[in-house]
Amino acid sequence: MLLAILYGDRVTTIVDNELLRLDEVAAICRTSIHTVRYWIAMKRLPSIRPGRRRLVRRADLERFLDGVKASEP
């Protein structure tokens, strides 16, 4: 699966098993980076930390979004 998002003046292409930066996750979810950090802190959204950066696996983001959609009334 291939997904392209517009972020600022650039288009980001996201491929399966890709690692996403928090700003990319925020753009996909149409929310702020602060909200993404909150989801991570509350253990709702899994992330990894190679070095100083925090990244989210695309598969984990899709599972998170599927769970959010399932819990909506």
N, C-alpha and C. Protein backbone atom coordinates (compact mmCIF):
# COMPACT_ATOMS: atom_id res chain seq x y z
N MET A 1 0.85 -1.18 0.00
CA MET A 1 0.00 0.00 0.00
C MET A 1 0.89 1.23 0.00
N LEU A 2 0.49 2.22 -0.74
CA LEU A 2 1.24 3.45 -0.86
C LEU A 2 0.33 4.62 -0.53
N LEU A 3 0.80 5.53 0.30
CA LEU A 3 0.00 6.68 0.71
C LEU A 3 0.86 7.92 0.54
N ALA A 4 0.29 8.94 -0.08
CA ALA A 4 1.01 10.20 -0.24
C ALA A 4 0.25 11.27 0.52
N ILE A 5 0.96 12.05 1.31
CA ILE A 5 0.34 13.15 2.05
C ILE A 5 1.05 14.44 1.72
N LEU A 6 0.31 15.50 1.74
CA LEU A 6 0.87 16.82 1.53
C LEU A 6 1.18 17.42 2.88
N TYR A 7 2.44 17.78 3.09
CA TYR A 7 2.84 18.36 4.36
C TYR A 7 3.63 19.63 4.05
N GLY A 8 3.01 20.75 4.28
CA GLY A 8 3.65 22.02 3.93
C GLY A 8 3.76 22.14 2.43
N ASP A 9 4.96 22.32 1.94
CA ASP A 9 5.15 22.45 0.51
C ASP A 9 5.74 21.20 -0.12
N ARG A 10 5.78 20.10 0.63
CA ARG A 10 6.31 18.86 0.07
C ARG A 10 5.31 17.73 0.19
N VAL A 11 5.44 16.76 -0.68
CA VAL A 11 4.60 15.57 -0.64
C VAL A 11 5.44 14.44 -0.06
N THR A 12 4.92 13.78 0.95
CA THR A 12 5.61 12.67 1.57
C THR A 12 4.94 11.38 1.15
N THR A 13 5.71 10.44 0.67
CA THR A 13 5.19 9.13 0.28
C THR A 13 5.51 8.16 1.40
N ILE A 14 4.49 7.41 1.80
CA ILE A 14 4.63 6.48 2.91
C ILE A 14 4.40 5.06 2.39
N VAL A 15 5.35 4.20 2.63
CA VAL A 15 5.29 2.81 2.18
C VAL A 15 5.12 1.92 3.40
N ASP A 16 4.55 0.71 3.20
CA ASP A 16 4.40 -0.24 4.31
C ASP A 16 5.72 -0.43 5.04
N ASN A 17 5.65 -0.68 6.34
CA ASN A 17 6.79 -0.93 7.22
C ASN A 17 7.73 0.27 7.34
N GLU A 18 7.26 1.40 6.95
CA GLU A 18 8.09 2.59 7.05
C GLU A 18 7.97 3.18 8.45
N LEU A 19 9.04 3.82 8.88
CA LEU A 19 9.04 4.53 10.15
C LEU A 19 8.68 5.99 9.89
N LEU A 20 7.75 6.52 10.69
CA LEU A 20 7.25 7.87 10.49
C LEU A 20 7.72 8.77 11.63
N ARG A 21 8.09 10.00 11.28
CA ARG A 21 8.39 11.01 12.29
C ARG A 21 7.07 11.48 12.91
N LEU A 22 7.15 12.12 14.06
CA LEU A 22 5.93 12.56 14.74
C LEU A 22 5.18 13.62 13.93
N ASP A 23 5.89 14.48 13.20
CA ASP A 23 5.20 15.47 12.38
C ASP A 23 4.43 14.81 11.24
N GLU A 24 4.95 13.69 10.72
CA GLU A 24 4.23 12.95 9.67
C GLU A 24 2.99 12.27 10.24
N VAL A 25 3.12 11.70 11.44
CA VAL A 25 1.96 11.08 12.11
C VAL A 25 0.90 12.14 12.36
N ALA A 26 1.30 13.30 12.84
CA ALA A 26 0.35 14.38 13.10
C ALA A 26 -0.35 14.81 11.82
N ALA A 27 0.37 14.89 10.71
CA ALA A 27 -0.24 15.28 9.44
C ALA A 27 -1.25 14.24 8.97
N ILE A 28 -0.92 12.97 9.11
CA ILE A 28 -1.84 11.90 8.70
C ILE A 28 -3.11 11.94 9.55
N CYS A 29 -2.94 12.15 10.86
CA CYS A 29 -4.08 12.17 11.79
C CYS A 29 -4.79 13.52 11.83
N ARG A 30 -4.21 14.50 11.16
CA ARG A 30 -4.75 15.87 11.18
C ARG A 30 -4.91 16.40 12.60
N THR A 31 -3.81 16.29 13.33
CA THR A 31 -3.78 16.76 14.71
C THR A 31 -2.41 17.39 14.96
N SER A 32 -2.16 17.81 16.18
CA SER A 32 -0.89 18.44 16.49
C SER A 32 0.14 17.40 16.94
N ILE A 33 1.39 17.80 16.90
CA ILE A 33 2.46 16.93 17.39
C ILE A 33 2.29 16.70 18.89
N HIS A 34 1.78 17.69 19.61
CA HIS A 34 1.55 17.54 21.04
C HIS A 34 0.56 16.42 21.33
N THR A 35 -0.47 16.31 20.51
CA THR A 35 -1.45 15.23 20.69
C THR A 35 -0.81 13.87 20.43
N VAL A 36 0.02 13.79 19.40
CA VAL A 36 0.72 12.53 19.10
C VAL A 36 1.63 12.15 20.27
N ARG A 37 2.34 13.12 20.81
CA ARG A 37 3.19 12.84 21.98
C ARG A 37 2.37 12.38 23.17
N TYR A 38 1.19 12.94 23.35
CA TYR A 38 0.29 12.54 24.43
C TYR A 38 -0.13 11.08 24.25
N TRP A 39 -0.53 10.71 23.01
CA TRP A 39 -0.92 9.31 22.74
C TRP A 39 0.23 8.36 23.06
N ILE A 40 1.45 8.77 22.72
CA ILE A 40 2.62 7.93 23.00
C ILE A 40 2.85 7.84 24.51
N ALA A 41 2.77 8.96 25.21
CA ALA A 41 2.99 8.96 26.66
C ALA A 41 1.94 8.12 27.40
N MET A 42 0.72 8.10 26.87
CA MET A 42 -0.36 7.33 27.49
C MET A 42 -0.36 5.87 27.04
N LYS A 43 0.67 5.48 26.26
CA LYS A 43 0.83 4.11 25.76
C LYS A 43 -0.29 3.69 24.81
N ARG A 44 -0.95 4.65 24.19
CA ARG A 44 -1.99 4.34 23.20
C ARG A 44 -1.38 4.07 21.83
N LEU A 45 -0.27 4.74 21.54
CA LEU A 45 0.40 4.62 20.25
C LEU A 45 1.84 4.17 20.49
N PRO A 46 2.19 2.96 20.05
CA PRO A 46 3.56 2.48 20.24
C PRO A 46 4.55 3.28 19.41
N SER A 47 5.74 3.45 19.93
CA SER A 47 6.79 4.16 19.20
C SER A 47 8.14 3.55 19.56
N ILE A 48 9.13 3.91 18.76
CA ILE A 48 10.49 3.46 19.04
C ILE A 48 11.38 4.70 19.11
N ARG A 49 12.53 4.54 19.73
CA ARG A 49 13.42 5.68 19.88
C ARG A 49 14.85 5.30 19.51
N PRO A 50 15.15 5.30 18.21
CA PRO A 50 16.54 5.04 17.80
C PRO A 50 17.35 6.32 17.95
N GLY A 51 18.22 6.36 18.92
CA GLY A 51 18.96 7.59 19.18
C GLY A 51 18.08 8.60 19.89
N ARG A 52 18.07 9.83 19.40
CA ARG A 52 17.29 10.88 20.05
C ARG A 52 15.92 11.09 19.44
N ARG A 53 15.69 10.50 18.26
CA ARG A 53 14.40 10.71 17.58
C ARG A 53 13.37 9.69 18.04
N ARG A 54 12.12 10.07 18.01
CA ARG A 54 11.03 9.15 18.29
C ARG A 54 10.31 8.90 16.98
N LEU A 55 10.10 7.61 16.65
CA LEU A 55 9.47 7.23 15.40
C LEU A 55 8.32 6.27 15.67
N VAL A 56 7.37 6.24 14.74
CA VAL A 56 6.21 5.36 14.84
C VAL A 56 6.18 4.48 13.59
N ARG A 57 6.02 3.19 13.80
CA ARG A 57 5.89 2.28 12.65
C ARG A 57 4.53 2.50 12.01
N ARG A 58 4.51 2.48 10.69
CA ARG A 58 3.26 2.68 9.96
C ARG A 58 2.20 1.66 10.36
N ALA A 59 2.60 0.41 10.52
CA ALA A 59 1.65 -0.64 10.92
C ALA A 59 1.04 -0.34 12.29
N ASP A 60 1.84 0.18 13.22
CA ASP A 60 1.32 0.54 14.54
C ASP A 60 0.33 1.69 14.44
N LEU A 61 0.62 2.66 13.57
CA LEU A 61 -0.30 3.78 13.38
C LEU A 61 -1.62 3.30 12.79
N GLU A 62 -1.56 2.39 11.82
CA GLU A 62 -2.80 1.86 11.23
C GLU A 62 -3.63 1.11 12.26
N ARG A 63 -2.98 0.30 13.12
CA ARG A 63 -3.71 -0.40 14.19
C ARG A 63 -4.34 0.60 15.15
N PHE A 64 -3.61 1.64 15.51
CA PHE A 64 -4.13 2.68 16.39
C PHE A 64 -5.35 3.34 15.77
N LEU A 65 -5.27 3.71 14.50
CA LEU A 65 -6.39 4.37 13.83
C LEU A 65 -7.58 3.44 13.68
N ASP A 66 -7.34 2.16 13.44
CA ASP A 66 -8.44 1.20 13.37
C ASP A 66 -9.15 1.09 14.71
N GLY A 67 -8.38 1.13 15.81
CA GLY A 67 -8.97 1.08 17.15
C GLY A 67 -9.78 2.32 17.46
N VAL A 68 -9.31 3.47 16.99
CA VAL A 68 -10.05 4.72 17.21
C VAL A 68 -11.36 4.69 16.45
N LYS A 69 -11.33 4.22 15.21
CA LYS A 69 -12.55 4.13 14.40
C LYS A 69 -13.54 3.15 15.01
N ALA A 70 -13.05 2.05 15.55
CA ALA A 70 -13.93 1.04 16.14
C ALA A 70 -14.60 1.54 17.41
N SER A 71 -13.94 2.44 18.12
CA SER A 71 -14.52 2.92 19.39
C SER A 71 -15.46 4.11 19.20
N GLU A 72 -15.51 4.67 17.99
CA GLU A 72 -16.44 5.78 17.76
C GLU A 72 -17.87 5.27 17.70
N PRO A 73 -18.82 6.06 18.19
CA PRO A 73 -20.22 5.59 18.19
C PRO A 73 -20.83 5.55 16.81
